[in-house]
Amino acid sequence: MSLYVIAKIDEEEYAINIEKVQTIEKVMPITRVPQTESHVKGVINLRGEIIPVISLRVKLGLAEKEYDEDTRIVVLKAYDMLVGMIVDNANEVVDIAEEDIDNLVFNEASDEFGKFVSKVGRIKDKVFLILDLKKLLDVRV
């Protein structure tokens, strides 16, 4: 069994391995960094630590949306760095059995979506798209 934090974008539910989640925060002031890619929203000062923040929506090629009371920044510790990821909502943790996780295979012509989702998890009739953080964060390790 593996625990995952569920992050919502519109009606889709994305799963993030809980071992990579440092904290989940309400949206706070984000300082814009000039001349960055559109999905990079800027940096936050979280308890004295400066953390870059990206928009999962924009990274997935979806339209931006106004932040509301449900919007969260999921702070990830992955590959020796902290990164904040803005999502519509993140307030659920699920336990997905290994036998209920399947690999997804996309061809070269797949859209942006296929680049960042490599597995799918199932719990009864619910499906969770498991994010590939290495690809999402464009880490070359």
N, C-alpha and C. Protein backbone atom coordinates (compact mmCIF):
# COMPACT_ATOMS: atom_id res chain seq x y z
N MET A 1 0.84 -1.19 0.00
CA MET A 1 0.00 0.00 0.00
C MET A 1 0.88 1.25 0.00
N SER A 2 0.44 2.25 -0.75
CA SER A 2 1.15 3.52 -0.80
C SER A 2 0.17 4.64 -0.56
N LEU A 3 0.61 5.63 0.21
CA LEU A 3 -0.23 6.79 0.50
C LEU A 3 0.03 7.90 -0.51
N TYR A 4 -1.05 8.53 -0.96
CA TYR A 4 -0.98 9.61 -1.93
C TYR A 4 -1.84 10.78 -1.47
N VAL A 5 -1.32 11.99 -1.67
CA VAL A 5 -2.11 13.21 -1.48
C VAL A 5 -2.85 13.43 -2.80
N ILE A 6 -4.13 13.73 -2.72
CA ILE A 6 -4.93 13.97 -3.92
C ILE A 6 -5.05 15.48 -4.15
N ALA A 7 -4.58 15.90 -5.33
CA ALA A 7 -4.66 17.30 -5.74
C ALA A 7 -5.66 17.38 -6.88
N LYS A 8 -6.59 18.31 -6.77
CA LYS A 8 -7.62 18.45 -7.80
C LYS A 8 -7.33 19.63 -8.71
N ILE A 9 -7.55 19.40 -9.98
CA ILE A 9 -7.56 20.45 -10.99
C ILE A 9 -8.85 20.23 -11.77
N ASP A 10 -9.76 21.20 -11.68
CA ASP A 10 -11.11 21.02 -12.21
C ASP A 10 -11.69 19.76 -11.59
N GLU A 11 -12.14 18.82 -12.40
CA GLU A 11 -12.73 17.58 -11.87
C GLU A 11 -11.74 16.43 -11.82
N GLU A 12 -10.53 16.63 -12.36
CA GLU A 12 -9.52 15.56 -12.37
C GLU A 12 -8.82 15.48 -11.02
N GLU A 13 -8.50 14.26 -10.61
CA GLU A 13 -7.81 14.04 -9.35
C GLU A 13 -6.44 13.45 -9.63
N TYR A 14 -5.41 14.18 -9.21
CA TYR A 14 -4.03 13.78 -9.42
C TYR A 14 -3.45 13.30 -8.09
N ALA A 15 -2.70 12.22 -8.13
CA ALA A 15 -2.12 11.65 -6.92
C ALA A 15 -0.63 11.99 -6.86
N ILE A 16 -0.19 12.39 -5.66
CA ILE A 16 1.21 12.71 -5.42
C ILE A 16 1.67 11.85 -4.25
N ASN A 17 2.74 11.12 -4.43
CA ASN A 17 3.26 10.27 -3.37
C ASN A 17 3.48 11.10 -2.11
N ILE A 18 2.88 10.69 -1.00
CA ILE A 18 2.91 11.48 0.22
C ILE A 18 4.34 11.66 0.75
N GLU A 19 5.23 10.75 0.38
CA GLU A 19 6.63 10.88 0.82
C GLU A 19 7.30 12.11 0.23
N LYS A 20 6.75 12.62 -0.87
CA LYS A 20 7.31 13.81 -1.53
C LYS A 20 6.66 15.10 -1.05
N VAL A 21 5.58 15.01 -0.27
CA VAL A 21 4.85 16.20 0.16
C VAL A 21 5.39 16.67 1.51
N GLN A 22 5.91 17.89 1.51
CA GLN A 22 6.44 18.49 2.73
C GLN A 22 5.31 19.11 3.55
N THR A 23 4.46 19.89 2.87
CA THR A 23 3.35 20.57 3.54
C THR A 23 2.34 21.02 2.50
N ILE A 24 1.14 21.32 2.95
CA ILE A 24 0.10 21.89 2.08
C ILE A 24 -0.33 23.20 2.72
N GLU A 25 -0.25 24.28 1.95
CA GLU A 25 -0.51 25.62 2.47
C GLU A 25 -1.63 26.30 1.68
N LYS A 26 -2.33 27.21 2.36
CA LYS A 26 -3.25 28.09 1.64
C LYS A 26 -2.41 29.02 0.77
N VAL A 27 -3.03 29.53 -0.29
CA VAL A 27 -2.31 30.45 -1.17
C VAL A 27 -1.88 31.67 -0.36
N MET A 28 -0.66 32.08 -0.58
CA MET A 28 -0.09 33.24 0.10
C MET A 28 0.50 34.16 -0.97
N PRO A 29 0.95 35.33 -0.59
CA PRO A 29 1.53 36.22 -1.60
C PRO A 29 2.71 35.55 -2.33
N ILE A 30 2.67 35.65 -3.65
CA ILE A 30 3.71 35.08 -4.50
C ILE A 30 4.45 36.23 -5.18
N THR A 31 5.76 36.26 -5.04
CA THR A 31 6.57 37.29 -5.68
C THR A 31 6.94 36.80 -7.07
N ARG A 32 6.51 37.56 -8.07
CA ARG A 32 6.75 37.20 -9.48
C ARG A 32 8.23 37.31 -9.79
N VAL A 33 8.74 36.39 -10.56
CA VAL A 33 10.13 36.43 -11.01
C VAL A 33 10.09 36.72 -12.51
N PRO A 34 10.71 37.83 -12.94
CA PRO A 34 10.64 38.20 -14.36
C PRO A 34 11.32 37.19 -15.27
N GLN A 35 10.85 37.13 -16.50
CA GLN A 35 11.41 36.33 -17.57
C GLN A 35 11.52 34.85 -17.23
N THR A 36 10.45 34.32 -16.63
CA THR A 36 10.38 32.88 -16.37
C THR A 36 9.28 32.29 -17.25
N GLU A 37 9.25 30.98 -17.35
CA GLU A 37 8.22 30.32 -18.13
C GLU A 37 6.85 30.59 -17.51
N SER A 38 5.79 30.48 -18.31
CA SER A 38 4.45 30.86 -17.85
C SER A 38 3.96 30.03 -16.67
N HIS A 39 4.39 28.78 -16.54
CA HIS A 39 3.94 27.95 -15.42
C HIS A 39 4.65 28.30 -14.11
N VAL A 40 5.74 29.04 -14.18
CA VAL A 40 6.45 29.48 -12.97
C VAL A 40 5.79 30.76 -12.49
N LYS A 41 5.13 30.67 -11.34
CA LYS A 41 4.37 31.81 -10.84
C LYS A 41 5.20 32.76 -9.99
N GLY A 42 6.35 32.29 -9.50
CA GLY A 42 7.22 33.13 -8.70
C GLY A 42 7.78 32.36 -7.52
N VAL A 43 8.01 33.09 -6.42
CA VAL A 43 8.54 32.46 -5.21
C VAL A 43 7.72 32.89 -4.01
N ILE A 44 7.71 32.02 -2.99
CA ILE A 44 7.07 32.36 -1.72
C ILE A 44 8.12 32.29 -0.62
N ASN A 45 7.84 33.00 0.46
CA ASN A 45 8.67 32.93 1.65
C ASN A 45 7.87 32.12 2.66
N LEU A 46 8.26 30.86 2.83
CA LEU A 46 7.55 29.97 3.73
C LEU A 46 8.43 29.72 4.95
N ARG A 47 8.04 30.35 6.04
CA ARG A 47 8.79 30.23 7.30
C ARG A 47 10.28 30.48 7.11
N GLY A 48 10.59 31.53 6.35
CA GLY A 48 11.97 31.94 6.15
C GLY A 48 12.69 31.24 5.01
N GLU A 49 12.03 30.32 4.33
CA GLU A 49 12.64 29.62 3.21
C GLU A 49 12.00 30.08 1.91
N ILE A 50 12.83 30.45 0.93
CA ILE A 50 12.34 30.90 -0.37
C ILE A 50 12.13 29.67 -1.26
N ILE A 51 10.89 29.53 -1.75
CA ILE A 51 10.50 28.34 -2.51
C ILE A 51 9.89 28.77 -3.84
N PRO A 52 10.40 28.23 -4.96
CA PRO A 52 9.76 28.51 -6.25
C PRO A 52 8.38 27.86 -6.31
N VAL A 53 7.47 28.52 -7.02
CA VAL A 53 6.09 28.02 -7.12
C VAL A 53 5.69 27.91 -8.59
N ILE A 54 5.11 26.75 -8.93
CA ILE A 54 4.61 26.55 -10.29
C ILE A 54 3.10 26.31 -10.24
N SER A 55 2.44 26.54 -11.36
CA SER A 55 1.02 26.26 -11.50
C SER A 55 0.86 24.91 -12.20
N LEU A 56 0.25 23.94 -11.51
CA LEU A 56 0.00 22.65 -12.13
C LEU A 56 -0.93 22.81 -13.32
N ARG A 57 -1.92 23.70 -13.20
CA ARG A 57 -2.86 23.95 -14.30
C ARG A 57 -2.12 24.32 -15.58
N VAL A 58 -1.26 25.34 -15.46
CA VAL A 58 -0.55 25.85 -16.64
C VAL A 58 0.43 24.79 -17.15
N LYS A 59 1.11 24.11 -16.25
CA LYS A 59 2.06 23.07 -16.66
C LYS A 59 1.35 21.97 -17.45
N LEU A 60 0.10 21.68 -17.11
CA LEU A 60 -0.68 20.67 -17.83
C LEU A 60 -1.35 21.21 -19.09
N GLY A 61 -1.14 22.50 -19.36
CA GLY A 61 -1.71 23.09 -20.57
C GLY A 61 -3.15 23.52 -20.42
N LEU A 62 -3.61 23.69 -19.18
CA LEU A 62 -4.99 24.11 -18.92
C LEU A 62 -5.06 25.62 -18.68
N ALA A 63 -6.26 26.17 -18.84
CA ALA A 63 -6.46 27.60 -18.63
C ALA A 63 -6.29 27.96 -17.16
N GLU A 64 -5.77 29.16 -16.92
CA GLU A 64 -5.62 29.62 -15.54
C GLU A 64 -6.98 29.91 -14.94
N LYS A 65 -7.03 29.92 -13.63
CA LYS A 65 -8.27 30.16 -12.89
C LYS A 65 -7.93 31.05 -11.69
N GLU A 66 -8.87 31.90 -11.32
CA GLU A 66 -8.67 32.73 -10.14
C GLU A 66 -8.50 31.85 -8.91
N TYR A 67 -7.62 32.23 -8.02
CA TYR A 67 -7.46 31.50 -6.77
C TYR A 67 -8.68 31.76 -5.90
N ASP A 68 -9.09 30.74 -5.14
CA ASP A 68 -10.21 30.90 -4.21
C ASP A 68 -9.84 30.29 -2.87
N GLU A 69 -10.82 30.15 -1.98
CA GLU A 69 -10.54 29.66 -0.63
C GLU A 69 -10.08 28.20 -0.61
N ASP A 70 -10.32 27.46 -1.70
CA ASP A 70 -9.88 26.06 -1.78
C ASP A 70 -8.49 25.89 -2.39
N THR A 71 -7.99 26.91 -3.07
CA THR A 71 -6.69 26.81 -3.75
C THR A 71 -5.59 26.55 -2.73
N ARG A 72 -4.69 25.65 -3.08
CA ARG A 72 -3.61 25.29 -2.17
C ARG A 72 -2.28 25.28 -2.90
N ILE A 73 -1.22 25.45 -2.12
CA ILE A 73 0.14 25.26 -2.61
C ILE A 73 0.65 23.99 -1.93
N VAL A 74 0.90 22.97 -2.74
CA VAL A 74 1.47 21.72 -2.23
C VAL A 74 2.98 21.87 -2.33
N VAL A 75 3.66 21.89 -1.19
CA VAL A 75 5.11 22.03 -1.19
C VAL A 75 5.72 20.64 -1.24
N LEU A 76 6.48 20.41 -2.30
CA LEU A 76 7.08 19.10 -2.56
C LEU A 76 8.57 19.13 -2.25
N LYS A 77 9.05 18.07 -1.66
CA LYS A 77 10.49 17.89 -1.50
C LYS A 77 10.87 16.75 -2.42
N ALA A 78 11.46 17.13 -3.53
CA ALA A 78 11.81 16.14 -4.54
C ALA A 78 13.18 16.47 -5.12
N TYR A 79 14.03 15.46 -5.18
CA TYR A 79 15.33 15.61 -5.80
C TYR A 79 16.14 16.75 -5.17
N ASP A 80 16.18 16.75 -3.84
CA ASP A 80 16.97 17.71 -3.06
C ASP A 80 16.55 19.16 -3.27
N MET A 81 15.29 19.39 -3.57
CA MET A 81 14.80 20.77 -3.68
C MET A 81 13.36 20.84 -3.21
N LEU A 82 12.96 22.03 -2.78
CA LEU A 82 11.57 22.28 -2.43
C LEU A 82 10.93 23.07 -3.56
N VAL A 83 9.72 22.67 -3.95
CA VAL A 83 8.97 23.37 -4.99
C VAL A 83 7.51 23.41 -4.57
N GLY A 84 6.88 24.58 -4.70
CA GLY A 84 5.46 24.70 -4.44
C GLY A 84 4.68 24.50 -5.73
N MET A 85 3.56 23.81 -5.64
CA MET A 85 2.73 23.54 -6.80
C MET A 85 1.31 24.00 -6.49
N ILE A 86 0.81 24.95 -7.25
CA ILE A 86 -0.54 25.48 -7.03
C ILE A 86 -1.56 24.53 -7.64
N VAL A 87 -2.54 24.13 -6.82
CA VAL A 87 -3.62 23.24 -7.27
C VAL A 87 -4.95 23.83 -6.82
N ASP A 88 -6.04 23.38 -7.44
CA ASP A 88 -7.37 23.88 -7.08
C ASP A 88 -7.76 23.47 -5.66
N ASN A 89 -7.32 22.28 -5.25
CA ASN A 89 -7.68 21.76 -3.93
C ASN A 89 -6.76 20.60 -3.61
N ALA A 90 -6.45 20.43 -2.35
CA ALA A 90 -5.66 19.27 -1.90
C ALA A 90 -5.97 19.05 -0.44
N ASN A 91 -6.89 18.14 -0.16
CA ASN A 91 -7.25 17.91 1.24
C ASN A 91 -7.61 16.46 1.52
N GLU A 92 -7.11 15.56 0.68
CA GLU A 92 -7.46 14.15 0.84
C GLU A 92 -6.20 13.31 0.70
N VAL A 93 -6.11 12.27 1.50
CA VAL A 93 -5.03 11.29 1.39
C VAL A 93 -5.69 9.93 1.17
N VAL A 94 -5.17 9.20 0.17
CA VAL A 94 -5.71 7.87 -0.11
C VAL A 94 -4.60 6.83 -0.05
N ASP A 95 -4.98 5.62 0.21
CA ASP A 95 -4.07 4.48 0.27
C ASP A 95 -4.37 3.61 -0.94
N ILE A 96 -3.42 3.54 -1.89
CA ILE A 96 -3.64 2.76 -3.10
C ILE A 96 -2.75 1.53 -3.05
N ALA A 97 -3.37 0.37 -3.17
CA ALA A 97 -2.61 -0.88 -3.17
C ALA A 97 -1.78 -0.98 -4.44
N GLU A 98 -0.58 -1.55 -4.33
CA GLU A 98 0.32 -1.67 -5.48
C GLU A 98 -0.35 -2.40 -6.65
N GLU A 99 -1.17 -3.39 -6.33
CA GLU A 99 -1.83 -4.13 -7.43
C GLU A 99 -2.90 -3.30 -8.13
N ASP A 100 -3.27 -2.17 -7.55
CA ASP A 100 -4.26 -1.28 -8.17
C ASP A 100 -3.62 -0.10 -8.89
N ILE A 101 -2.31 -0.19 -9.12
CA ILE A 101 -1.59 0.85 -9.85
C ILE A 101 -1.09 0.25 -11.16
N ASP A 102 -1.43 0.91 -12.27
CA ASP A 102 -1.02 0.46 -13.59
C ASP A 102 -0.18 1.53 -14.27
N ASN A 103 0.81 1.08 -15.05
CA ASN A 103 1.61 2.01 -15.86
C ASN A 103 0.79 2.46 -17.05
N LEU A 104 1.00 3.68 -17.46
CA LEU A 104 0.38 4.20 -18.67
C LEU A 104 1.47 4.37 -19.71
N VAL A 105 1.16 4.05 -20.94
CA VAL A 105 2.12 4.22 -22.02
C VAL A 105 1.51 5.17 -23.03
N PHE A 106 2.24 6.26 -23.30
CA PHE A 106 1.79 7.23 -24.28
C PHE A 106 2.77 7.22 -25.44
N ASN A 107 2.26 7.49 -26.62
CA ASN A 107 3.17 7.56 -27.76
C ASN A 107 3.79 8.95 -27.85
N GLU A 108 4.71 9.11 -28.76
CA GLU A 108 5.43 10.38 -28.91
C GLU A 108 4.49 11.54 -29.22
N ALA A 109 3.35 11.26 -29.83
CA ALA A 109 2.44 12.33 -30.23
C ALA A 109 1.50 12.76 -29.10
N SER A 110 1.67 12.18 -27.92
CA SER A 110 0.78 12.53 -26.81
C SER A 110 0.88 14.01 -26.47
N ASP A 111 -0.20 14.52 -25.93
CA ASP A 111 -0.21 15.93 -25.54
C ASP A 111 0.57 16.13 -24.25
N GLU A 112 0.56 17.36 -23.73
CA GLU A 112 1.27 17.70 -22.50
C GLU A 112 0.89 16.78 -21.35
N PHE A 113 -0.37 16.40 -21.28
CA PHE A 113 -0.89 15.56 -20.20
C PHE A 113 -0.06 14.29 -20.04
N GLY A 114 0.19 13.61 -21.14
CA GLY A 114 0.90 12.34 -21.10
C GLY A 114 2.34 12.46 -20.63
N LYS A 115 2.91 13.65 -20.72
CA LYS A 115 4.28 13.84 -20.29
C LYS A 115 4.43 13.72 -18.78
N PHE A 116 3.40 14.05 -18.04
CA PHE A 116 3.52 14.20 -16.60
C PHE A 116 2.77 13.15 -15.78
N VAL A 117 2.03 12.29 -16.45
CA VAL A 117 1.29 11.23 -15.77
C VAL A 117 1.81 9.90 -16.31
N SER A 118 2.37 9.08 -15.43
CA SER A 118 2.93 7.82 -15.91
C SER A 118 2.20 6.60 -15.37
N LYS A 119 1.35 6.82 -14.37
CA LYS A 119 0.62 5.70 -13.77
C LYS A 119 -0.80 6.14 -13.43
N VAL A 120 -1.64 5.15 -13.23
CA VAL A 120 -3.01 5.41 -12.79
C VAL A 120 -3.31 4.47 -11.64
N GLY A 121 -3.94 5.02 -10.61
CA GLY A 121 -4.32 4.20 -9.46
C GLY A 121 -5.83 4.09 -9.38
N ARG A 122 -6.31 2.96 -8.87
CA ARG A 122 -7.75 2.73 -8.77
C ARG A 122 -8.10 2.37 -7.34
N ILE A 123 -9.20 2.95 -6.88
CA ILE A 123 -9.81 2.54 -5.62
C ILE A 123 -11.30 2.43 -5.92
N LYS A 124 -11.79 1.21 -5.92
CA LYS A 124 -13.18 0.93 -6.31
C LYS A 124 -13.44 1.54 -7.68
N ASP A 125 -14.39 2.48 -7.80
CA ASP A 125 -14.71 3.04 -9.11
C ASP A 125 -14.02 4.38 -9.37
N LYS A 126 -13.12 4.80 -8.46
CA LYS A 126 -12.40 6.07 -8.65
C LYS A 126 -11.05 5.82 -9.30
N VAL A 127 -10.65 6.75 -10.16
CA VAL A 127 -9.36 6.67 -10.83
C VAL A 127 -8.55 7.91 -10.46
N PHE A 128 -7.29 7.69 -10.11
CA PHE A 128 -6.38 8.77 -9.74
C PHE A 128 -5.20 8.76 -10.70
N LEU A 129 -4.89 9.90 -11.28
CA LEU A 129 -3.75 10.02 -12.18
C LEU A 129 -2.52 10.33 -11.35
N ILE A 130 -1.53 9.45 -11.38
CA ILE A 130 -0.35 9.60 -10.54
C ILE A 130 0.70 10.43 -11.27
N LEU A 131 1.05 11.56 -10.67
CA LEU A 131 2.00 12.48 -11.30
C LEU A 131 3.42 11.94 -11.23
N ASP A 132 4.14 12.12 -12.32
CA ASP A 132 5.56 11.78 -12.39
C ASP A 132 6.32 13.07 -12.07
N LEU A 133 6.77 13.21 -10.83
CA LEU A 133 7.38 14.46 -10.40
C LEU A 133 8.69 14.75 -11.12
N LYS A 134 9.42 13.72 -11.45
CA LYS A 134 10.68 13.93 -12.17
C LYS A 134 10.42 14.65 -13.48
N LYS A 135 9.41 14.19 -14.21
CA LYS A 135 9.07 14.82 -15.50
C LYS A 135 8.37 16.17 -15.27
N LEU A 136 7.48 16.22 -14.30
CA LEU A 136 6.74 17.45 -14.03
C LEU A 136 7.67 18.59 -13.66
N LEU A 137 8.64 18.29 -12.83
CA LEU A 137 9.59 19.32 -12.38
C LEU A 137 10.79 19.44 -13.32
N ASP A 138 10.79 18.64 -14.38
CA ASP A 138 11.85 18.67 -15.40
C ASP A 138 13.23 18.49 -14.76
N VAL A 139 13.33 17.46 -13.93
CA VAL A 139 14.58 17.19 -13.22
C VAL A 139 15.40 16.23 -14.06
N ARG A 140 16.64 16.56 -14.26
CA ARG A 140 17.55 15.70 -15.01
C ARG A 140 18.53 15.05 -14.03
N VAL A 141 18.11 13.86 -13.58
CA VAL A 141 18.98 13.14 -12.64
C VAL A 141 19.41 11.81 -13.23
